[in-house]
C-alpha atoms as a PDB file:
ATOM      1  CA  ILE A   1     -51.359 -23.275   3.141  1.00  0.00           C
ATOM      2  CA  TRP A   2     -49.827 -21.061   0.138  1.00  0.00           C
ATOM      3  CA  GLU A   3     -50.963 -17.609  -0.432  1.00  0.00           C
ATOM      4  CA  VAL A   4     -52.366 -17.074  -4.363  1.00  0.00           C
ATOM      5  CA  PRO A   5     -50.971 -14.148  -5.546  1.00  0.00           C
ATOM      6  CA  ASP A   6     -53.713 -11.694  -7.165  1.00  0.00           C
ATOM      7  CA  SER A   7     -52.330 -12.243 -10.475  1.00  0.00           C
ATOM      8  CA  MET A   8     -52.868 -15.841 -10.790  1.00  0.00           C
ATOM      9  CA  SER A   9     -56.767 -17.043 -10.118  1.00  0.00           C
ATOM     10  CA  ASP A  10     -57.573 -19.912  -8.466  1.00  0.00           C
ATOM     11  CA  GLU A  11     -57.321 -22.550 -11.801  1.00  0.00           C
ATOM     12  CA  GLU A  12     -53.875 -21.582 -12.493  1.00  0.00           C
ATOM     13  CA  ALA A  13     -52.585 -21.791  -8.875  1.00  0.00           C
ATOM     14  CA  ALA A  14     -54.402 -25.239  -8.333  1.00  0.00           C
ATOM     15  CA  GLY A  15     -52.846 -25.976 -11.405  1.00  0.00           C
ATOM     16  CA  PHE A  16     -48.935 -25.023 -10.223  1.00  0.00           C
ATOM     17  CA  VAL A  17     -47.780 -26.398  -7.211  1.00  0.00           C
ATOM     18  CA  ILE A  18     -47.330 -30.138  -7.988  1.00  0.00           C
ATOM     19  CA  PRO A  19     -45.458 -29.621 -11.767  1.00  0.00           C
ATOM     20  CA  ALA A  20     -43.862 -26.328 -10.694  1.00  0.00           C
ATOM     21  CA  HIS A  21     -42.944 -28.573  -7.544  1.00  0.00           C
ATOM     22  CA  THR A  22     -41.907 -31.594  -9.819  1.00  0.00           C
ATOM     23  CA  ALA A  23     -40.054 -30.107 -11.779  1.00  0.00           C
ATOM     24  CA  TYR A  24     -37.455 -28.496  -9.406  1.00  0.00           C
ATOM     25  CA  HIS A  25     -36.895 -31.630  -8.119  1.00  0.00           C
ATOM     26  CA  ALA A  26     -35.924 -32.881 -10.835  1.00  0.00           C
ATOM     27  CA  VAL A  27     -33.805 -29.721 -12.535  1.00  0.00           C
ATOM     28  CA  HIS A  28     -32.396 -28.488  -9.743  1.00  0.00           C
ATOM     29  CA  ARG A  29     -32.195 -31.329  -6.458  1.00  0.00           C
ATOM     30  CA  ARG A  30     -31.174 -33.626  -8.838  1.00  0.00           C
ATOM     31  CA  GLY A  31     -30.322 -32.154 -12.556  1.00  0.00           C
ATOM     32  CA  LYS A  32     -28.290 -29.276 -10.307  1.00  0.00           C
ATOM     33  CA  VAL A  33     -28.287 -27.580 -13.704  1.00  0.00           C
ATOM     34  CA  GLN A  34     -25.965 -24.461 -13.962  1.00  0.00           C
ATOM     35  CA  ALA A  35     -26.113 -21.013 -15.519  1.00  0.00           C
ATOM     36  CA  GLY A  36     -24.331 -21.989 -19.261  1.00  0.00           C
ATOM     37  CA  GLU A  37     -25.809 -25.214 -19.103  1.00  0.00           C
ATOM     38  CA  THR A  38     -27.494 -26.345 -22.308  1.00  0.00           C
ATOM     39  CA  VAL A  39     -30.735 -28.568 -21.321  1.00  0.00           C
ATOM     40  CA  LEU A  40     -33.010 -30.889 -23.499  1.00  0.00           C
ATOM     41  CA  VAL A  41     -36.209 -30.724 -22.429  1.00  0.00           C
ATOM     42  CA  LEU A  42     -38.122 -33.876 -24.080  1.00  0.00           C
ATOM     43  CA  GLY A  43     -42.229 -33.845 -24.141  1.00  0.00           C
ATOM     44  CA  ALA A  44     -41.667 -30.356 -23.017  1.00  0.00           C
ATOM     45  CA  ALA A  45     -45.087 -28.669 -23.823  1.00  0.00           C
ATOM     46  CA  GLY A  46     -46.801 -30.756 -21.164  1.00  0.00           C
ATOM     47  CA  GLY A  47     -47.460 -29.285 -17.345  1.00  0.00           C
ATOM     48  CA  VAL A  48     -44.611 -30.303 -15.736  1.00  0.00           C
ATOM     49  CA  PRO A  49     -41.781 -29.736 -18.836  1.00  0.00           C
ATOM     50  CA  SER A  50     -43.464 -26.816 -19.136  1.00  0.00           C
ATOM     51  CA  SER A  51     -42.056 -25.858 -15.911  1.00  0.00           C
ATOM     52  CA  ALA A  52     -39.160 -27.469 -16.174  1.00  0.00           C
ATOM     53  CA  ILE A  53     -38.206 -24.879 -18.930  1.00  0.00           C
ATOM     54  CA  GLN A  54     -38.694 -21.645 -17.270  1.00  0.00           C
ATOM     55  CA  LEU A  55     -36.474 -22.997 -14.135  1.00  0.00           C
ATOM     56  CA  CYS A  56     -34.008 -23.971 -16.724  1.00  0.00           C
ATOM     57  CA  ALA A  57     -34.199 -20.077 -18.088  1.00  0.00           C
ATOM     58  CA  ALA A  58     -34.401 -18.931 -15.086  1.00  0.00           C
ATOM     59  CA  ALA A  59     -31.429 -20.209 -13.788  1.00  0.00           C
ATOM     60  CA  GLY A  60     -29.208 -18.892 -16.841  1.00  0.00           C
ATOM     61  CA  CYS A  61     -29.457 -22.272 -18.907  1.00  0.00           C
ATOM     62  CA  ARG A  62     -29.394 -22.360 -22.993  1.00  0.00           C
ATOM     63  CA  VAL A  63     -32.786 -24.182 -23.080  1.00  0.00           C
ATOM     64  CA  ILE A  64     -33.521 -26.800 -26.018  1.00  0.00           C
ATOM     65  CA  ALA A  65     -37.573 -27.564 -25.877  1.00  0.00           C
ATOM     66  CA  VAL A  66     -38.711 -31.039 -28.154  1.00  0.00           C
ATOM     67  CA  ALA A  67     -42.609 -30.524 -28.620  1.00  0.00           C
ATOM     68  CA  GLY A  68     -45.167 -32.385 -31.164  1.00  0.00           C
ATOM     69  CA  GLY A  69     -46.795 -29.920 -33.602  1.00  0.00           C
ATOM     70  CA  ALA A  70     -46.593 -25.634 -33.762  1.00  0.00           C
ATOM     71  CA  GLU A  71     -48.956 -25.309 -31.506  1.00  0.00           C
ATOM     72  CA  LYS A  72     -46.967 -26.534 -28.927  1.00  0.00           C
ATOM     73  CA  ALA A  73     -43.331 -25.356 -29.900  1.00  0.00           C
ATOM     74  CA  ASP A  74     -45.120 -21.977 -29.767  1.00  0.00           C
ATOM     75  CA  PHE A  75     -45.996 -22.514 -26.604  1.00  0.00           C
ATOM     76  CA  CYS A  76     -42.651 -23.634 -25.642  1.00  0.00           C
ATOM     77  CA  ARG A  77     -41.147 -20.845 -27.385  1.00  0.00           C
ATOM     78  CA  LYS A  78     -43.656 -17.785 -25.140  1.00  0.00           C
ATOM     79  CA  LEU A  79     -42.071 -20.032 -21.616  1.00  0.00           C
ATOM     80  CA  GLY A  80     -37.839 -19.116 -22.636  1.00  0.00           C
ATOM     81  CA  ALA A  81     -36.426 -22.085 -24.138  1.00  0.00           C
ATOM     82  CA  GLU A  82     -34.396 -20.687 -26.718  1.00  0.00           C
ATOM     83  CA  ILE A  83     -34.283 -23.296 -29.451  1.00  0.00           C
ATOM     84  CA  VAL A  84     -37.742 -25.540 -30.567  1.00  0.00           C
ATOM     85  CA  ILE A  85     -37.911 -28.182 -32.059  1.00  0.00           C
ATOM     86  CA  ASP A  86     -40.937 -29.874 -33.719  1.00  0.00           C
ATOM     87  CA  HIS A  87     -40.401 -33.597 -34.026  1.00  0.00           C
ATOM     88  CA  ALA A  88     -43.214 -33.599 -36.297  1.00  0.00           C
ATOM     89  CA  ARG A  89     -41.560 -31.521 -38.538  1.00  0.00           C
ATOM     90  CA  GLU A  90     -38.215 -32.674 -38.195  1.00  0.00           C
ATOM     91  CA  ASP A  91     -35.530 -35.329 -36.766  1.00  0.00           C
ATOM     92  CA  PHE A  92     -34.551 -33.818 -33.210  1.00  0.00           C
ATOM     93  CA  VAL A  93     -31.580 -35.264 -33.164  1.00  0.00           C
ATOM     94  CA  GLU A  94     -30.472 -34.003 -36.201  1.00  0.00           C
ATOM     95  CA  ALA A  95     -31.933 -30.773 -35.494  1.00  0.00           C
ATOM     96  CA  VAL A  96     -30.320 -30.977 -32.178  1.00  0.00           C
ATOM     97  CA  LYS A  97     -26.671 -31.499 -33.946  1.00  0.00           C
ATOM     98  CA  ARG A  98     -27.368 -28.949 -36.333  1.00  0.00           C
ATOM     99  CA  ALA A  99     -27.919 -26.429 -33.204  1.00  0.00           C
ATOM    100  CA  VAL A 100     -24.752 -27.659 -30.798  1.00  0.00           C
ATOM    101  CA  GLY A 101     -23.398 -30.041 -32.179  1.00  0.00           C
ATOM    102  CA  GLU A 102     -22.746 -33.834 -31.141  1.00  0.00           C
ATOM    103  CA  HIS A 103     -22.267 -34.255 -27.985  1.00  0.00           C
ATOM    104  CA  GLY A 104     -23.588 -31.132 -26.931  1.00  0.00           C
ATOM    105  CA  ILE A 105     -26.228 -31.111 -24.330  1.00  0.00           C
ATOM    106  CA  ASP A 106     -24.965 -31.032 -20.351  1.00  0.00           C
ATOM    107  CA  VAL A 107     -28.520 -32.274 -19.328  1.00  0.00           C
ATOM    108  CA  ILE A 108     -31.448 -34.520 -20.423  1.00  0.00           C
ATOM    109  CA  VAL A 109     -34.550 -33.947 -19.016  1.00  0.00           C
ATOM    110  CA  ASP A 110     -36.319 -36.509 -20.150  1.00  0.00           C
ATOM    111  CA  PHE A 111     -40.234 -36.482 -19.195  1.00  0.00           C
ATOM    112  CA  VAL A 112     -41.000 -39.153 -22.294  1.00  0.00           C
ATOM    113  CA  GLN A 113     -38.380 -42.090 -22.156  1.00  0.00           C
ATOM    114  CA  GLY A 114     -39.092 -45.209 -24.472  1.00  0.00           C
ATOM    115  CA  GLU A 115     -37.479 -44.158 -27.175  1.00  0.00           C
ATOM    116  CA  PRO A 116     -37.275 -40.831 -27.779  1.00  0.00           C
ATOM    117  CA  GLY A 117     -34.773 -40.769 -24.924  1.00  0.00           C
ATOM    118  CA  ARG A 118     -32.636 -43.568 -26.082  1.00  0.00           C
ATOM    119  CA  ARG A 119     -32.145 -41.255 -29.358  1.00  0.00           C
ATOM    120  CA  ALA A 120     -30.657 -38.456 -27.680  1.00  0.00           C
ATOM    121  CA  ARG A 121     -28.767 -39.628 -24.664  1.00  0.00           C
ATOM    122  CA  PRO A 122     -25.803 -39.762 -27.064  1.00  0.00           C
ATOM    123  CA  LEU A 123     -26.097 -35.691 -27.719  1.00  0.00           C
ATOM    124  CA  LEU A 124     -24.671 -35.419 -23.493  1.00  0.00           C
ATOM    125  CA  ARG A 125     -21.500 -33.838 -23.695  1.00  0.00           C
ATOM    126  CA  VAL A 126     -18.722 -35.867 -21.295  1.00  0.00           C
ATOM    127  CA  GLU A 127     -19.689 -35.981 -17.977  1.00  0.00           C
ATOM    128  CA  GLY A 128     -23.567 -35.115 -19.129  1.00  0.00           C
ATOM    129  CA  ARG A 129     -26.770 -35.720 -16.217  1.00  0.00           C
ATOM    130  CA  HIS A 130     -29.833 -37.678 -18.069  1.00  0.00           C
ATOM    131  CA  LEU A 131     -32.922 -37.287 -16.123  1.00  0.00           C
ATOM    132  CA  LEU A 132     -35.823 -39.935 -16.154  1.00  0.00           C
ATOM    133  CA  CYS A 133     -38.392 -37.864 -15.018  1.00  0.00           C
ATOM    134  CA  GLY A 134     -41.696 -38.696 -16.147  1.00  0.00           C
ATOM    135  CA  HIS A 135     -43.025 -41.626 -17.918  1.00  0.00           C
ATOM    136  CA  ALA A 136     -45.554 -40.119 -21.221  1.00  0.00           C
ATOM    137  CA  GLY A 137     -43.096 -42.864 -24.010  1.00  0.00           C
ATOM    138  CA  GLY A 138     -43.404 -45.928 -21.925  1.00  0.00           C
ATOM    139  CA  GLY A 139     -40.861 -47.265 -19.008  1.00  0.00           C
ATOM    140  CA  TRP A 140     -36.504 -46.825 -19.616  1.00  0.00           C
ATOM    141  CA  ARG A 141     -34.613 -49.915 -18.707  1.00  0.00           C
ATOM    142  CA  ALA A 142     -32.083 -48.892 -16.645  1.00  0.00           C
ATOM    143  CA  ALA A 143     -30.283 -51.423 -15.762  1.00  0.00           C
ATOM    144  CA  PRO A 144     -31.320 -55.406 -16.607  1.00  0.00           C
ATOM    145  CA  GLY A 145     -34.201 -56.743 -14.481  1.00  0.00           C
ATOM    146  CA  ARG A 146     -34.758 -53.636 -13.064  1.00  0.00           C
ATOM    147  CA  ASN A 147     -37.568 -50.870 -14.300  1.00  0.00           C
ATOM    148  CA  HIS A 148     -36.762 -47.209 -13.469  1.00  0.00           C
ATOM    149  CA  SER A 149     -40.801 -47.726 -11.332  1.00  0.00           C
ATOM    150  CA  ASP A 150     -39.110 -49.962 -10.021  1.00  0.00           C
ATOM    151  CA  ARG A 151     -36.553 -48.677  -7.560  1.00  0.00           C
ATOM    152  CA  ARG A 152     -38.689 -46.044  -6.162  1.00  0.00           C
ATOM    153  CA  ASP A 153     -36.148 -42.849  -7.591  1.00  0.00           C
ATOM    154  CA  PHE A 154     -37.763 -39.982  -8.541  1.00  0.00           C
ATOM    155  CA  SER A 155     -35.257 -39.680 -10.949  1.00  0.00           C
ATOM    156  CA  SER A 156     -31.983 -41.046 -12.002  1.00  0.00           C
ATOM    157  CA  ALA A 157     -29.261 -38.857 -13.837  1.00  0.00           C
ATOM    158  CA  ARG A 158     -27.413 -40.879 -16.251  1.00  0.00           C
ATOM    159  CA  GLY A 159     -24.163 -39.181 -17.479  1.00  0.00           C
ATOM    160  CA  ARG A 160     -21.471 -40.425 -20.258  1.00  0.00           C
ATOM    161  CA  ALA A 161     -18.500 -41.419 -18.498  1.00  0.00           C
ATOM    162  CA  ILE A 162     -15.164 -40.525 -19.963  1.00  0.00           C
ATOM    163  CA  ASP A 163     -14.587 -44.178 -21.893  1.00  0.00           C
ATOM    164  CA  ASP A 164     -18.062 -43.884 -22.692  1.00  0.00           C
ATOM    165  CA  ARG A 165     -19.857 -46.357 -20.064  1.00  0.00           C
ATOM    166  CA  PRO A 166     -23.247 -45.213 -18.574  1.00  0.00           C
ATOM    167  CA  VAL A 167     -22.590 -44.134 -15.806  1.00  0.00           C
ATOM    168  CA  VAL A 168     -25.231 -43.542 -12.606  1.00  0.00           C
ATOM    169  CA  VAL A 169     -24.962 -41.013 -10.515  1.00  0.00           C
ATOM    170  CA  GLY A 170     -27.680 -39.644  -7.214  1.00  0.00           C
ATOM    171  CA  GLY A 171     -30.197 -41.706  -5.805  1.00  0.00           C
ATOM    172  CA  ARG A 172     -30.331 -44.645  -5.383  1.00  0.00           C
ATOM    173  CA  ALA A 173     -29.994 -46.250  -8.590  1.00  0.00           C
ATOM    174  CA  ARG A 174     -26.776 -47.870 -10.142  1.00  0.00           C
ATOM    175  CA  GLN A 175     -25.715 -49.098 -13.020  1.00  0.00           C
ATOM    176  CA  ALA A 176     -25.414 -52.927 -13.563  1.00  0.00           C
ATOM    177  CA  ASP A 177     -22.312 -54.251 -15.697  1.00  0.00           C
END
């Protein structure tokens, strides 16, 4: 049982716990975001991703949010995203490159997976982290023959190695050769 602050309605409190806890686990426990890092949040207007925006901004990260539509983009901006990209209006990969360079992302917090995650991955810096935290856009095969959901991990953190081969860190995930 948790005490609900007077400033929060019962409806807000009911909708707070799971998204906030899930986002905290993704960005702090798995992603280990640090002040000064640049974090790209895919599917940013959803419940858990919107909590991730706030947590990363509060941690001192530069947050780039990707959402579809002007209303969702405005929502992400109000939550603390420094840069918001409306993927319905422009290619988010090109917009990120203009904002931070070709490999300017430290952490991708990927609540979508599928095509957006595959397209975002080359934006990572060397030793960057790609957190797979949801399935809104379908599964993403991290290793041949195994899907993320088959491993019973909350998320997998994947990074670019110096020689550009994928490296899997954290959890029980292992990269197949």
